[in-house]
């Protein structure tokens, strides 16, 4: 299990526990933090956010929804990213859950 520190654009820092065996997207959803989504397999880039510190693992998958420049700037795809350490995430693209 890894501590994931979230910095949301519209609220103060929030901290939650994310399991290393769940994607960041799933861990955030369990904490009622809903991100925009489309493909859920790393192809579209809709769920992207920026990793400011820490390490993630794509577990053999490729983040096709990000170009090389975005990856170099720290953008990640939570739908296929798994935490390897404590993380600081910013620019979460939030979405209200559907009723």
Foldseek 3Di string as FASTA:
>chain_A
DAKEWEDEPPDHIDIDDDDQVAFQQVVCVVVVFHADDDDLQLQACRFKWFWPDADWDLPPGDNNNDDPVCVVRGIDHRSRIGGPYYTYIYPGHTDHDDD
